[in-house]
């Protein structure tokens, strides 16, 4: 079980950057529970999270600044595994996004970006591509103290370079 303190910036899976605003002890059924009051910065929502559930939910601290280059190296590698079955692929991507790890988000982004070069994405996949890019960029921006726009551009430039030889199929 991870332990956080008031003021800690955290990553809430599929929601992004958040901050621990308060920690309270609550009595429920004669048991004491430590509850984190988590403010999700993207939409200003307040979420109450039992401390015992942080691992299960996937709440974590942002990656270290040293890990940022590892993420970009991962995005640069040409390897991408794309399931052809739409439903299976979507379910796999949803599970990866919910895991909360930055490399899982990067994997979804890379996979969907590659797919978008080879065929039109469905509405849901387009939304997921944007969400993965947004979450990845926000976390990297937070830990590297660089503007979000610069990080987003670097991510797109890295993916473009990675898949520069991919040609869209000809349509008749």
C-alpha atoms as a PDB file:
ATOM      1  CA  UNK A   1       0.000   0.000   0.000  1.00  0.00           C
ATOM      2  CA  UNK A   2       1.348   3.372  -1.025  1.00  0.00           C
ATOM      3  CA  UNK A   3       1.297   6.179   1.475  1.00  0.00           C
ATOM      4  CA  UNK A   4       0.757   9.756   0.431  1.00  0.00           C
ATOM      5  CA  UNK A   5       0.677  13.059   2.288  1.00  0.00           C
ATOM      6  CA  UNK A   6      -1.320  16.258   1.815  1.00  0.00           C
ATOM      7  CA  UNK A   7       0.004  18.204  -1.155  1.00  0.00           C
ATOM      8  CA  UNK A   8       1.416  15.186  -2.996  1.00  0.00           C
ATOM      9  CA  UNK A   9       0.864  15.240  -6.728  1.00  0.00           C
ATOM     10  CA  UNK A  10      -0.297  11.861  -7.970  1.00  0.00           C
ATOM     11  CA  UNK A  11      -1.488  10.163 -11.130  1.00  0.00           C
ATOM     12  CA  UNK A  12      -5.064   8.892 -11.029  1.00  0.00           C
ATOM     13  CA  UNK A  13      -5.474   6.276 -13.787  1.00  0.00           C
ATOM     14  CA  UNK A  14      -7.371   7.406 -16.852  1.00  0.00           C
ATOM     15  CA  UNK A  15      -7.896  10.830 -15.228  1.00  0.00           C
ATOM     16  CA  UNK A  16      -4.370  12.186 -15.041  1.00  0.00           C
ATOM     17  CA  UNK A  17      -2.682  14.529 -12.650  1.00  0.00           C
ATOM     18  CA  UNK A  18      -4.267  14.970  -9.236  1.00  0.00           C
ATOM     19  CA  UNK A  19      -3.325  16.280  -5.805  1.00  0.00           C
ATOM     20  CA  UNK A  20      -3.974  14.959  -2.306  1.00  0.00           C
ATOM     21  CA  UNK A  21      -5.954  17.791  -0.682  1.00  0.00           C
ATOM     22  CA  UNK A  22      -6.744  16.180   2.653  1.00  0.00           C
ATOM     23  CA  UNK A  23      -6.406  12.931   4.571  1.00  0.00           C
ATOM     24  CA  UNK A  24      -9.046  11.992   7.108  1.00  0.00           C
ATOM     25  CA  UNK A  25      -9.716   9.082   9.415  1.00  0.00           C
ATOM     26  CA  UNK A  26     -13.298   7.858   9.139  1.00  0.00           C
ATOM     27  CA  UNK A  27     -15.121   5.385  11.333  1.00  0.00           C
ATOM     28  CA  UNK A  28     -17.272   2.898   9.488  1.00  0.00           C
ATOM     29  CA  UNK A  29     -18.739  -0.139  11.194  1.00  0.00           C
ATOM     30  CA  UNK A  30     -16.401   0.282  14.195  1.00  0.00           C
ATOM     31  CA  UNK A  31     -13.321   0.316  11.975  1.00  0.00           C
ATOM     32  CA  UNK A  32     -11.047   3.246  11.203  1.00  0.00           C
ATOM     33  CA  UNK A  33     -10.273   3.977   7.580  1.00  0.00           C
ATOM     34  CA  UNK A  34      -7.777   6.459   6.187  1.00  0.00           C
ATOM     35  CA  UNK A  35      -9.417   8.369   3.319  1.00  0.00           C
ATOM     36  CA  UNK A  36      -7.550  10.461   0.747  1.00  0.00           C
ATOM     37  CA  UNK A  37      -9.361  13.488  -0.649  1.00  0.00           C
ATOM     38  CA  UNK A  38      -8.035  13.596  -4.208  1.00  0.00           C
ATOM     39  CA  UNK A  39      -8.589  16.599  -6.501  1.00  0.00           C
ATOM     40  CA  UNK A  40      -8.323  15.675 -10.182  1.00  0.00           C
ATOM     41  CA  UNK A  41      -6.800  18.712 -11.841  1.00  0.00           C
ATOM     42  CA  UNK A  42      -8.187  18.171 -15.364  1.00  0.00           C
ATOM     43  CA  UNK A  43     -11.818  18.560 -14.311  1.00  0.00           C
ATOM     44  CA  UNK A  44     -11.544  19.807 -10.710  1.00  0.00           C
ATOM     45  CA  UNK A  45     -13.423  16.746  -9.426  1.00  0.00           C
ATOM     46  CA  UNK A  46     -12.971  15.652  -5.814  1.00  0.00           C
ATOM     47  CA  UNK A  47     -12.684  11.902  -5.282  1.00  0.00           C
ATOM     48  CA  UNK A  48     -12.558  10.153  -1.904  1.00  0.00           C
ATOM     49  CA  UNK A  49     -10.235   7.159  -1.992  1.00  0.00           C
ATOM     50  CA  UNK A  50      -9.676   4.705   0.862  1.00  0.00           C
ATOM     51  CA  UNK A  51      -5.928   4.427   1.438  1.00  0.00           C
ATOM     52  CA  UNK A  52      -6.203   0.646   1.266  1.00  0.00           C
ATOM     53  CA  UNK A  53      -7.457   0.892  -2.347  1.00  0.00           C
ATOM     54  CA  UNK A  54      -4.675   2.978  -3.879  1.00  0.00           C
ATOM     55  CA  UNK A  55      -2.811  -0.034  -5.289  1.00  0.00           C
ATOM     56  CA  UNK A  56      -5.983  -1.636  -6.608  1.00  0.00           C
ATOM     57  CA  UNK A  57      -7.027   1.595  -8.339  1.00  0.00           C
ATOM     58  CA  UNK A  58      -3.494   2.185  -9.662  1.00  0.00           C
ATOM     59  CA  UNK A  59      -2.900   5.553  -8.031  1.00  0.00           C
ATOM     60  CA  UNK A  60       0.794   6.370  -8.129  1.00  0.00           C
ATOM     61  CA  UNK A  61       3.315   9.167  -7.937  1.00  0.00           C
ATOM     62  CA  UNK A  62       4.359  10.712 -11.271  1.00  0.00           C
ATOM     63  CA  UNK A  63       7.370   9.145 -12.947  1.00  0.00           C
ATOM     64  CA  UNK A  64      10.780  10.608 -12.173  1.00  0.00           C
ATOM     65  CA  UNK A  65      12.321  13.152 -14.493  1.00  0.00           C
ATOM     66  CA  UNK A  66      14.980  10.542 -15.310  1.00  0.00           C
ATOM     67  CA  UNK A  67      12.258   8.248 -16.746  1.00  0.00           C
ATOM     68  CA  UNK A  68      11.133  10.791 -19.341  1.00  0.00           C
ATOM     69  CA  UNK A  69      13.864   9.858 -21.820  1.00  0.00           C
ATOM     70  CA  UNK A  70      12.994   6.163 -21.352  1.00  0.00           C
ATOM     71  CA  UNK A  71       9.432   6.974 -22.407  1.00  0.00           C
ATOM     72  CA  UNK A  72      10.616   8.762 -25.538  1.00  0.00           C
ATOM     73  CA  UNK A  73      12.982   5.868 -26.347  1.00  0.00           C
ATOM     74  CA  UNK A  74       9.988   3.529 -26.039  1.00  0.00           C
ATOM     75  CA  UNK A  75       7.959   5.729 -28.401  1.00  0.00           C
ATOM     76  CA  UNK A  76      10.865   5.781 -30.917  1.00  0.00           C
ATOM     77  CA  UNK A  77      11.087   1.993 -31.201  1.00  0.00           C
ATOM     78  CA  UNK A  78       9.392   0.719 -34.326  1.00  0.00           C
ATOM     79  CA  UNK A  79       7.802  -2.276 -32.587  1.00  0.00           C
ATOM     80  CA  UNK A  80       4.056  -2.081 -32.269  1.00  0.00           C
ATOM     81  CA  UNK A  81       1.578  -4.859 -31.601  1.00  0.00           C
ATOM     82  CA  UNK A  82      -1.890  -4.201 -32.989  1.00  0.00           C
ATOM     83  CA  UNK A  83      -4.721  -6.685 -32.616  1.00  0.00           C
ATOM     84  CA  UNK A  84      -6.820  -6.815 -35.775  1.00  0.00           C
ATOM     85  CA  UNK A  85     -10.107  -7.560 -33.991  1.00  0.00           C
ATOM     86  CA  UNK A  86     -11.620  -4.159 -33.131  1.00  0.00           C
ATOM     87  CA  UNK A  87     -13.447  -5.314 -29.996  1.00  0.00           C
ATOM     88  CA  UNK A  88     -10.439  -7.189 -28.630  1.00  0.00           C
ATOM     89  CA  UNK A  89      -8.128  -4.272 -29.372  1.00  0.00           C
ATOM     90  CA  UNK A  90     -10.463  -1.758 -27.738  1.00  0.00           C
ATOM     91  CA  UNK A  91     -10.836  -3.906 -24.617  1.00  0.00           C
ATOM     92  CA  UNK A  92      -7.068  -4.372 -24.402  1.00  0.00           C
ATOM     93  CA  UNK A  93      -6.514  -0.628 -24.741  1.00  0.00           C
ATOM     94  CA  UNK A  94      -9.141   0.146 -22.069  1.00  0.00           C
ATOM     95  CA  UNK A  95      -7.376  -2.226 -19.655  1.00  0.00           C
ATOM     96  CA  UNK A  96      -3.998  -0.658 -20.413  1.00  0.00           C
ATOM     97  CA  UNK A  97      -5.385   2.846 -19.824  1.00  0.00           C
ATOM     98  CA  UNK A  98      -6.907   1.743 -16.508  1.00  0.00           C
ATOM     99  CA  UNK A  99      -3.635   0.219 -15.324  1.00  0.00           C
ATOM    100  CA  UNK A 100      -2.296   3.718 -14.796  1.00  0.00           C
ATOM    101  CA  UNK A 101       1.312   3.021 -15.774  1.00  0.00           C
ATOM    102  CA  UNK A 102       2.894   5.534 -18.087  1.00  0.00           C
ATOM    103  CA  UNK A 103       4.318   2.846 -20.364  1.00  0.00           C
ATOM    104  CA  UNK A 104       0.866   1.295 -20.795  1.00  0.00           C
ATOM    105  CA  UNK A 105      -0.513   4.704 -21.807  1.00  0.00           C
ATOM    106  CA  UNK A 106       2.427   5.161 -24.184  1.00  0.00           C
ATOM    107  CA  UNK A 107       1.732   1.724 -25.642  1.00  0.00           C
ATOM    108  CA  UNK A 108      -1.911   2.626 -26.329  1.00  0.00           C
ATOM    109  CA  UNK A 109      -0.871   5.939 -27.884  1.00  0.00           C
ATOM    110  CA  UNK A 110       1.739   4.280 -30.084  1.00  0.00           C
ATOM    111  CA  UNK A 111      -0.599   1.503 -31.188  1.00  0.00           C
ATOM    112  CA  UNK A 112      -3.461   3.847 -32.060  1.00  0.00           C
ATOM    113  CA  UNK A 113      -1.152   6.339 -33.759  1.00  0.00           C
ATOM    114  CA  UNK A 114       0.222   3.551 -35.956  1.00  0.00           C
ATOM    115  CA  UNK A 115      -3.286   2.310 -36.668  1.00  0.00           C
ATOM    116  CA  UNK A 116      -4.394   5.836 -37.631  1.00  0.00           C
ATOM    117  CA  UNK A 117      -1.699   5.829 -40.326  1.00  0.00           C
ATOM    118  CA  UNK A 118      -2.976   2.600 -41.841  1.00  0.00           C
ATOM    119  CA  UNK A 119      -6.754   3.112 -41.655  1.00  0.00           C
ATOM    120  CA  UNK A 120      -9.354   5.522 -40.273  1.00  0.00           C
ATOM    121  CA  UNK A 121      -9.940   5.104 -36.540  1.00  0.00           C
ATOM    122  CA  UNK A 122     -13.388   4.665 -35.071  1.00  0.00           C
ATOM    123  CA  UNK A 123     -14.796   7.524 -33.001  1.00  0.00           C
ATOM    124  CA  UNK A 124     -13.956   5.687 -29.746  1.00  0.00           C
ATOM    125  CA  UNK A 125     -10.408   4.956 -30.834  1.00  0.00           C
ATOM    126  CA  UNK A 126      -9.882   8.590 -31.874  1.00  0.00           C
ATOM    127  CA  UNK A 127     -11.061   9.686 -28.414  1.00  0.00           C
ATOM    128  CA  UNK A 128      -8.766   7.144 -26.753  1.00  0.00           C
ATOM    129  CA  UNK A 129      -5.802   8.287 -28.884  1.00  0.00           C
ATOM    130  CA  UNK A 130      -6.394  11.880 -27.775  1.00  0.00           C
ATOM    131  CA  UNK A 131      -6.844  10.843 -24.128  1.00  0.00           C
ATOM    132  CA  UNK A 132      -3.627   8.791 -24.121  1.00  0.00           C
ATOM    133  CA  UNK A 133      -1.702  11.695 -25.697  1.00  0.00           C
ATOM    134  CA  UNK A 134      -3.206  14.167 -23.231  1.00  0.00           C
ATOM    135  CA  UNK A 135      -2.422  12.036 -20.153  1.00  0.00           C
ATOM    136  CA  UNK A 136       1.100  11.209 -21.302  1.00  0.00           C
ATOM    137  CA  UNK A 137       1.911  14.818 -22.176  1.00  0.00           C
ATOM    138  CA  UNK A 138       0.462  16.174 -18.921  1.00  0.00           C
ATOM    139  CA  UNK A 139       2.534  13.825 -16.770  1.00  0.00           C
ATOM    140  CA  UNK A 140       5.750  14.450 -18.700  1.00  0.00           C
ATOM    141  CA  UNK A 141       5.114  18.202 -18.601  1.00  0.00           C
ATOM    142  CA  UNK A 142       4.603  18.033 -14.831  1.00  0.00           C
ATOM    143  CA  UNK A 143       7.841  16.180 -14.088  1.00  0.00           C
ATOM    144  CA  UNK A 144      10.011  17.960 -16.644  1.00  0.00           C
ATOM    145  CA  UNK A 145       8.652  21.474 -15.952  1.00  0.00           C
ATOM    146  CA  UNK A 146       8.282  22.093 -19.685  1.00  0.00           C
ATOM    147  CA  UNK A 147       5.177  23.600 -21.292  1.00  0.00           C
ATOM    148  CA  UNK A 148       2.484  21.118 -22.279  1.00  0.00           C
ATOM    149  CA  UNK A 149       2.545  22.311 -25.904  1.00  0.00           C
ATOM    150  CA  UNK A 150       6.263  21.512 -26.234  1.00  0.00           C
ATOM    151  CA  UNK A 151       5.782  18.033 -24.796  1.00  0.00           C
ATOM    152  CA  UNK A 152       2.802  17.327 -27.073  1.00  0.00           C
ATOM    153  CA  UNK A 153       4.833  18.437 -30.086  1.00  0.00           C
ATOM    154  CA  UNK A 154       7.799  16.283 -29.043  1.00  0.00           C
ATOM    155  CA  UNK A 155       5.510  13.255 -28.656  1.00  0.00           C
ATOM    156  CA  UNK A 156       4.026  13.793 -32.137  1.00  0.00           C
ATOM    157  CA  UNK A 157       7.468  14.386 -33.673  1.00  0.00           C
ATOM    158  CA  UNK A 158       8.783  11.193 -32.046  1.00  0.00           C
ATOM    159  CA  UNK A 159       5.855   9.113 -33.294  1.00  0.00           C
ATOM    160  CA  UNK A 160       6.096  10.643 -36.786  1.00  0.00           C
ATOM    161  CA  UNK A 161       9.780   9.755 -36.933  1.00  0.00           C
ATOM    162  CA  UNK A 162       9.119   6.233 -35.659  1.00  0.00           C
ATOM    163  CA  UNK A 163       6.530   5.527 -38.345  1.00  0.00           C
ATOM    164  CA  UNK A 164       7.921   7.689 -41.147  1.00  0.00           C
ATOM    165  CA  UNK A 165       7.970   4.715 -43.554  1.00  0.00           C
ATOM    166  CA  UNK A 166       4.332   3.708 -42.961  1.00  0.00           C
ATOM    167  CA  UNK A 167       2.240   4.465 -46.010  1.00  0.00           C
ATOM    168  CA  UNK A 168      -1.539   4.625 -45.824  1.00  0.00           C
ATOM    169  CA  UNK A 169      -3.285   2.015 -47.975  1.00  0.00           C
ATOM    170  CA  UNK A 170      -4.556   3.127 -51.362  1.00  0.00           C
ATOM    171  CA  UNK A 171      -8.302   3.573 -51.549  1.00  0.00           C
ATOM    172  CA  UNK A 172     -10.198   2.862 -54.738  1.00  0.00           C
END
